[in-house]
Amino acid sequence: MGLQAELQAKIGKAFDEKLSDAVASLTLSQKAVTFNPVDNTTSEVVTNIATRGVVGDYALEELNDTSVKPTDVKITVLQNELSVEPKIDDIVNDGVNNYKIINIKKDPAKVIWKLQCRR
């Protein structure tokens, strides 16, 4: 088992066990706009992808970064549990709130997505 697979398995197990009370069911919504040149119209298709993750606040020292607002949330999602790559402006819903993705980071091992989201 490679390092990436091992990390994914361990973090997935932590999501199932030790972190289970902090893990939320999430839905990632991605929009795709298509253009029909025959009748000069566009149509929008929204795809919803179910996943899970941890929704948390930013630490005080992270708020010193001018791109992070006090109301922003950090959502951590396992890459192997999300069937698509998240994009800026996608919407993440935790069953209560809709959050717009404004920044995306992944760890060097490519195990988790860190999504900076705004209400």
N, C-alpha and C. Protein backbone atom coordinates (compact mmCIF):
# COMPACT_ATOMS: atom_id res chain seq x y z
N MET A 1 0.85 -1.17 0.00
CA MET A 1 0.00 0.00 0.00
C MET A 1 0.90 1.24 0.00
N GLY A 2 0.66 2.16 -0.92
CA GLY A 2 1.44 3.39 -1.00
C GLY A 2 1.06 4.37 0.10
N LEU A 3 1.86 5.39 0.25
CA LEU A 3 1.63 6.39 1.29
C LEU A 3 0.28 7.08 1.13
N GLN A 4 -0.07 7.45 -0.09
CA GLN A 4 -1.34 8.13 -0.32
C GLN A 4 -2.51 7.24 0.08
N ALA A 5 -2.50 5.99 -0.35
CA ALA A 5 -3.58 5.06 -0.01
C ALA A 5 -3.65 4.83 1.50
N GLU A 6 -2.48 4.75 2.13
CA GLU A 6 -2.44 4.54 3.58
C GLU A 6 -3.04 5.74 4.32
N LEU A 7 -2.67 6.95 3.89
CA LEU A 7 -3.22 8.15 4.52
C LEU A 7 -4.73 8.24 4.30
N GLN A 8 -5.18 7.95 3.09
CA GLN A 8 -6.62 7.98 2.80
C GLN A 8 -7.37 6.99 3.69
N ALA A 9 -6.81 5.80 3.86
CA ALA A 9 -7.46 4.79 4.69
C ALA A 9 -7.51 5.25 6.15
N LYS A 10 -6.43 5.82 6.66
CA LYS A 10 -6.38 6.25 8.06
C LYS A 10 -7.31 7.43 8.32
N ILE A 11 -7.32 8.40 7.42
CA ILE A 11 -8.20 9.55 7.61
C ILE A 11 -9.66 9.12 7.44
N GLY A 12 -9.93 8.26 6.49
CA GLY A 12 -11.28 7.72 6.32
C GLY A 12 -11.75 6.99 7.57
N LYS A 13 -10.86 6.22 8.18
CA LYS A 13 -11.19 5.51 9.41
C LYS A 13 -11.45 6.51 10.53
N ALA A 14 -10.65 7.58 10.60
CA ALA A 14 -10.86 8.62 11.61
C ALA A 14 -12.21 9.30 11.39
N PHE A 15 -12.58 9.55 10.13
CA PHE A 15 -13.90 10.12 9.83
C PHE A 15 -15.00 9.19 10.34
N ASP A 16 -14.80 7.88 10.20
CA ASP A 16 -15.80 6.90 10.63
C ASP A 16 -15.87 6.75 12.15
N GLU A 17 -14.74 6.93 12.82
CA GLU A 17 -14.68 6.62 14.25
C GLU A 17 -14.45 7.87 15.11
N LYS A 18 -13.22 8.28 15.28
CA LYS A 18 -12.87 9.34 16.23
C LYS A 18 -13.46 10.70 15.87
N LEU A 19 -13.59 10.98 14.61
CA LEU A 19 -14.13 12.27 14.18
C LEU A 19 -15.59 12.21 13.77
N SER A 20 -16.23 11.07 13.98
CA SER A 20 -17.58 10.88 13.46
C SER A 20 -18.57 11.94 13.93
N ASP A 21 -18.39 12.48 15.14
CA ASP A 21 -19.31 13.50 15.61
C ASP A 21 -19.09 14.85 14.92
N ALA A 22 -17.95 15.04 14.29
CA ALA A 22 -17.65 16.30 13.59
C ALA A 22 -17.88 16.20 12.08
N VAL A 23 -18.04 15.00 11.57
CA VAL A 23 -18.18 14.79 10.13
C VAL A 23 -19.64 15.03 9.72
N ALA A 24 -19.79 15.84 8.67
CA ALA A 24 -21.13 16.17 8.17
C ALA A 24 -21.33 15.58 6.79
N SER A 25 -22.57 15.23 6.50
CA SER A 25 -22.94 14.85 5.13
C SER A 25 -23.02 16.14 4.32
N LEU A 26 -22.38 16.13 3.17
CA LEU A 26 -22.30 17.32 2.33
C LEU A 26 -22.77 17.01 0.92
N THR A 27 -23.22 18.05 0.23
CA THR A 27 -23.55 17.95 -1.18
C THR A 27 -22.80 19.05 -1.92
N LEU A 28 -22.02 18.66 -2.89
CA LEU A 28 -21.31 19.61 -3.75
C LEU A 28 -22.13 19.78 -5.01
N SER A 29 -22.47 21.03 -5.34
CA SER A 29 -23.24 21.33 -6.54
C SER A 29 -22.36 22.05 -7.54
N GLN A 30 -22.28 21.48 -8.74
CA GLN A 30 -21.50 22.09 -9.82
C GLN A 30 -22.45 22.43 -10.97
N LYS A 31 -22.26 23.65 -11.50
CA LYS A 31 -23.07 24.09 -12.64
C LYS A 31 -22.27 23.97 -13.92
N ALA A 32 -22.94 23.56 -14.97
CA ALA A 32 -22.35 23.52 -16.30
C ALA A 32 -23.32 24.25 -17.24
N VAL A 33 -22.80 25.18 -18.00
CA VAL A 33 -23.61 25.92 -18.95
C VAL A 33 -23.25 25.47 -20.35
N THR A 34 -24.27 25.12 -21.12
CA THR A 34 -24.05 24.71 -22.51
C THR A 34 -24.74 25.70 -23.44
N PHE A 35 -24.14 25.88 -24.57
CA PHE A 35 -24.67 26.80 -25.58
C PHE A 35 -25.16 26.01 -26.78
N ASN A 36 -26.37 26.31 -27.22
CA ASN A 36 -26.94 25.69 -28.41
C ASN A 36 -26.90 26.71 -29.54
N PRO A 37 -25.98 26.52 -30.50
CA PRO A 37 -25.85 27.51 -31.57
C PRO A 37 -27.02 27.51 -32.56
N VAL A 38 -27.79 26.44 -32.58
CA VAL A 38 -28.91 26.37 -33.53
C VAL A 38 -29.97 27.40 -33.17
N ASP A 39 -30.34 27.47 -31.90
CA ASP A 39 -31.36 28.44 -31.50
C ASP A 39 -30.81 29.57 -30.62
N ASN A 40 -29.47 29.64 -30.51
CA ASN A 40 -28.80 30.72 -29.80
C ASN A 40 -29.25 30.83 -28.33
N THR A 41 -29.32 29.67 -27.66
CA THR A 41 -29.73 29.65 -26.25
C THR A 41 -28.68 28.95 -25.41
N THR A 42 -28.73 29.23 -24.15
CA THR A 42 -27.88 28.53 -23.20
C THR A 42 -28.76 27.78 -22.21
N SER A 43 -28.23 26.70 -21.68
CA SER A 43 -28.95 25.97 -20.64
C SER A 43 -27.96 25.62 -19.54
N GLU A 44 -28.50 25.57 -18.36
CA GLU A 44 -27.66 25.31 -17.20
C GLU A 44 -28.05 23.96 -16.59
N VAL A 45 -27.06 23.14 -16.33
CA VAL A 45 -27.28 21.84 -15.70
C VAL A 45 -26.52 21.83 -14.39
N VAL A 46 -27.21 21.49 -13.30
CA VAL A 46 -26.58 21.40 -11.99
C VAL A 46 -26.42 19.93 -11.63
N THR A 47 -25.19 19.56 -11.27
CA THR A 47 -24.90 18.20 -10.84
C THR A 47 -24.61 18.23 -9.35
N ASN A 48 -25.31 17.38 -8.60
CA ASN A 48 -25.11 17.28 -7.15
C ASN A 48 -24.34 16.01 -6.83
N ILE A 49 -23.29 16.17 -6.04
CA ILE A 49 -22.44 15.03 -5.67
C ILE A 49 -22.43 14.93 -4.14
N ALA A 50 -22.82 13.78 -3.64
CA ALA A 50 -22.84 13.55 -2.19
C ALA A 50 -21.44 13.17 -1.71
N THR A 51 -21.06 13.72 -0.57
CA THR A 51 -19.78 13.39 0.06
C THR A 51 -19.91 13.66 1.55
N ARG A 52 -18.80 13.70 2.23
CA ARG A 52 -18.81 14.03 3.65
C ARG A 52 -17.53 14.78 3.97
N GLY A 53 -17.56 15.52 5.06
CA GLY A 53 -16.38 16.28 5.43
C GLY A 53 -16.57 16.97 6.76
N VAL A 54 -15.56 17.73 7.15
CA VAL A 54 -15.58 18.45 8.40
C VAL A 54 -15.66 19.94 8.09
N VAL A 55 -16.66 20.60 8.67
CA VAL A 55 -16.86 22.03 8.49
C VAL A 55 -16.36 22.71 9.75
N GLY A 56 -15.41 23.65 9.59
CA GLY A 56 -14.85 24.32 10.75
C GLY A 56 -14.54 25.78 10.48
N ASP A 57 -14.25 26.49 11.56
CA ASP A 57 -13.88 27.89 11.46
C ASP A 57 -12.38 28.02 11.25
N TYR A 58 -11.97 29.20 10.84
CA TYR A 58 -10.55 29.50 10.70
C TYR A 58 -9.98 29.92 12.05
N ALA A 59 -8.73 29.56 12.29
CA ALA A 59 -8.04 29.97 13.51
C ALA A 59 -7.79 31.47 13.45
N LEU A 60 -7.67 32.08 14.61
CA LEU A 60 -7.49 33.53 14.71
C LEU A 60 -6.31 34.02 13.89
N GLU A 61 -5.19 33.29 13.91
CA GLU A 61 -4.02 33.73 13.14
C GLU A 61 -4.26 33.63 11.63
N GLU A 62 -5.15 32.76 11.20
CA GLU A 62 -5.48 32.66 9.77
C GLU A 62 -6.32 33.85 9.31
N LEU A 63 -7.02 34.49 10.25
CA LEU A 63 -7.86 35.63 9.90
C LEU A 63 -7.03 36.87 9.59
N ASN A 64 -5.74 36.85 9.92
CA ASN A 64 -4.86 37.97 9.58
C ASN A 64 -4.64 38.06 8.08
N ASP A 65 -4.86 36.97 7.38
CA ASP A 65 -4.78 36.96 5.92
C ASP A 65 -6.00 37.75 5.41
N THR A 66 -5.77 38.77 4.61
CA THR A 66 -6.87 39.62 4.16
C THR A 66 -7.87 38.90 3.27
N SER A 67 -7.53 37.73 2.76
CA SER A 67 -8.47 37.00 1.90
C SER A 67 -9.42 36.11 2.70
N VAL A 68 -9.21 36.03 4.01
CA VAL A 68 -10.08 35.20 4.86
C VAL A 68 -10.92 36.12 5.74
N LYS A 69 -12.24 36.03 5.59
CA LYS A 69 -13.15 36.82 6.41
C LYS A 69 -13.53 36.03 7.65
N PRO A 70 -13.90 36.73 8.73
CA PRO A 70 -14.27 36.02 9.97
C PRO A 70 -15.44 35.06 9.82
N THR A 71 -16.28 35.27 8.82
CA THR A 71 -17.44 34.39 8.62
C THR A 71 -17.16 33.23 7.68
N ASP A 72 -15.95 33.19 7.08
CA ASP A 72 -15.58 32.08 6.19
C ASP A 72 -15.46 30.79 6.98
N VAL A 73 -15.72 29.68 6.31
CA VAL A 73 -15.54 28.36 6.92
C VAL A 73 -14.55 27.56 6.08
N LYS A 74 -13.89 26.63 6.77
CA LYS A 74 -12.95 25.72 6.12
C LYS A 74 -13.62 24.35 6.10
N ILE A 75 -13.74 23.78 4.92
CA ILE A 75 -14.35 22.45 4.78
C ILE A 75 -13.27 21.49 4.30
N THR A 76 -13.07 20.42 5.04
CA THR A 76 -12.07 19.41 4.71
C THR A 76 -12.80 18.18 4.19
N VAL A 77 -12.42 17.76 2.98
CA VAL A 77 -13.06 16.62 2.32
C VAL A 77 -11.98 15.68 1.83
N LEU A 78 -12.20 14.38 1.97
CA LEU A 78 -11.26 13.39 1.43
C LEU A 78 -11.38 13.36 -0.09
N GLN A 79 -10.24 13.44 -0.78
CA GLN A 79 -10.26 13.45 -2.24
C GLN A 79 -10.83 12.15 -2.81
N ASN A 80 -10.54 11.02 -2.17
CA ASN A 80 -11.02 9.76 -2.73
C ASN A 80 -12.51 9.53 -2.48
N GLU A 81 -13.16 10.42 -1.69
CA GLU A 81 -14.60 10.30 -1.46
C GLU A 81 -15.40 11.33 -2.25
N LEU A 82 -14.72 12.10 -3.08
CA LEU A 82 -15.39 13.09 -3.92
C LEU A 82 -15.07 12.73 -5.36
N SER A 83 -16.09 12.42 -6.13
CA SER A 83 -15.89 11.89 -7.47
C SER A 83 -15.50 12.94 -8.51
N VAL A 84 -15.54 14.21 -8.14
CA VAL A 84 -15.15 15.28 -9.06
C VAL A 84 -14.18 16.22 -8.34
N GLU A 85 -13.48 17.02 -9.10
CA GLU A 85 -12.60 18.02 -8.51
C GLU A 85 -13.43 19.28 -8.24
N PRO A 86 -13.42 19.77 -6.99
CA PRO A 86 -14.19 20.99 -6.71
C PRO A 86 -13.62 22.18 -7.47
N LYS A 87 -14.50 23.15 -7.77
CA LYS A 87 -14.10 24.33 -8.52
C LYS A 87 -14.55 25.58 -7.77
N ILE A 88 -13.86 26.68 -8.04
CA ILE A 88 -14.27 27.97 -7.50
C ILE A 88 -15.71 28.23 -7.94
N ASP A 89 -16.51 28.75 -7.06
CA ASP A 89 -17.93 29.08 -7.26
C ASP A 89 -18.87 27.89 -7.14
N ASP A 90 -18.35 26.66 -6.96
CA ASP A 90 -19.23 25.55 -6.64
C ASP A 90 -19.89 25.82 -5.30
N ILE A 91 -21.00 25.18 -5.05
CA ILE A 91 -21.73 25.35 -3.79
C ILE A 91 -21.64 24.06 -2.99
N VAL A 92 -21.35 24.20 -1.69
CA VAL A 92 -21.35 23.07 -0.77
C VAL A 92 -22.49 23.29 0.22
N ASN A 93 -23.33 22.30 0.38
CA ASN A 93 -24.45 22.37 1.32
C ASN A 93 -24.24 21.33 2.40
N ASP A 94 -24.40 21.75 3.66
CA ASP A 94 -24.24 20.84 4.79
C ASP A 94 -25.58 20.43 5.39
N GLY A 95 -26.66 20.65 4.64
CA GLY A 95 -27.99 20.32 5.13
C GLY A 95 -28.68 21.51 5.77
N VAL A 96 -27.90 22.55 6.11
CA VAL A 96 -28.45 23.76 6.73
C VAL A 96 -28.05 24.98 5.92
N ASN A 97 -26.77 25.07 5.59
CA ASN A 97 -26.22 26.25 4.92
C ASN A 97 -25.66 25.92 3.54
N ASN A 98 -25.74 26.91 2.66
CA ASN A 98 -25.05 26.84 1.37
C ASN A 98 -23.79 27.68 1.48
N TYR A 99 -22.67 27.11 1.06
CA TYR A 99 -21.39 27.79 1.09
C TYR A 99 -20.83 27.83 -0.33
N LYS A 100 -20.33 28.99 -0.74
CA LYS A 100 -19.71 29.14 -2.05
C LYS A 100 -18.21 28.95 -1.90
N ILE A 101 -17.63 28.09 -2.72
CA ILE A 101 -16.19 27.85 -2.67
C ILE A 101 -15.47 29.05 -3.28
N ILE A 102 -14.55 29.64 -2.50
CA ILE A 102 -13.80 30.78 -3.01
C ILE A 102 -12.31 30.49 -3.13
N ASN A 103 -11.84 29.40 -2.51
CA ASN A 103 -10.44 29.01 -2.61
C ASN A 103 -10.34 27.51 -2.38
N ILE A 104 -9.42 26.87 -3.09
CA ILE A 104 -9.25 25.42 -2.99
C ILE A 104 -7.77 25.11 -2.81
N LYS A 105 -7.49 24.27 -1.83
CA LYS A 105 -6.12 23.79 -1.63
C LYS A 105 -6.18 22.28 -1.44
N LYS A 106 -5.09 21.63 -1.80
CA LYS A 106 -4.98 20.21 -1.50
C LYS A 106 -3.64 19.99 -0.84
N ASP A 107 -3.59 18.99 0.01
CA ASP A 107 -2.35 18.72 0.71
C ASP A 107 -1.34 18.09 -0.25
N PRO A 108 -0.05 18.12 0.09
CA PRO A 108 0.98 17.59 -0.82
C PRO A 108 0.80 16.11 -1.17
N ALA A 109 0.20 15.35 -0.28
CA ALA A 109 -0.01 13.93 -0.55
C ALA A 109 -1.26 13.67 -1.39
N LYS A 110 -2.00 14.73 -1.71
CA LYS A 110 -3.23 14.63 -2.50
C LYS A 110 -4.25 13.70 -1.85
N VAL A 111 -4.46 13.92 -0.55
CA VAL A 111 -5.40 13.11 0.21
C VAL A 111 -6.66 13.89 0.54
N ILE A 112 -6.52 15.18 0.86
CA ILE A 112 -7.69 15.98 1.25
C ILE A 112 -7.77 17.26 0.43
N TRP A 113 -9.00 17.75 0.28
CA TRP A 113 -9.26 19.07 -0.25
C TRP A 113 -9.52 19.97 0.95
N LYS A 114 -8.95 21.17 0.93
CA LYS A 114 -9.27 22.20 1.91
C LYS A 114 -10.01 23.29 1.15
N LEU A 115 -11.27 23.45 1.44
CA LEU A 115 -12.11 24.39 0.72
C LEU A 115 -12.40 25.60 1.59
N GLN A 116 -12.01 26.77 1.13
CA GLN A 116 -12.39 28.01 1.82
C GLN A 116 -13.73 28.40 1.24
N CYS A 117 -14.72 28.50 2.11
CA CYS A 117 -16.08 28.75 1.65
C CYS A 117 -16.67 29.96 2.36
N ARG A 118 -17.60 30.59 1.67
CA ARG A 118 -18.25 31.79 2.18
C ARG A 118 -19.76 31.64 2.02
N ARG A 119 -20.48 32.12 3.02
CA ARG A 119 -21.95 32.08 2.94
C ARG A 119 -22.48 33.14 2.01
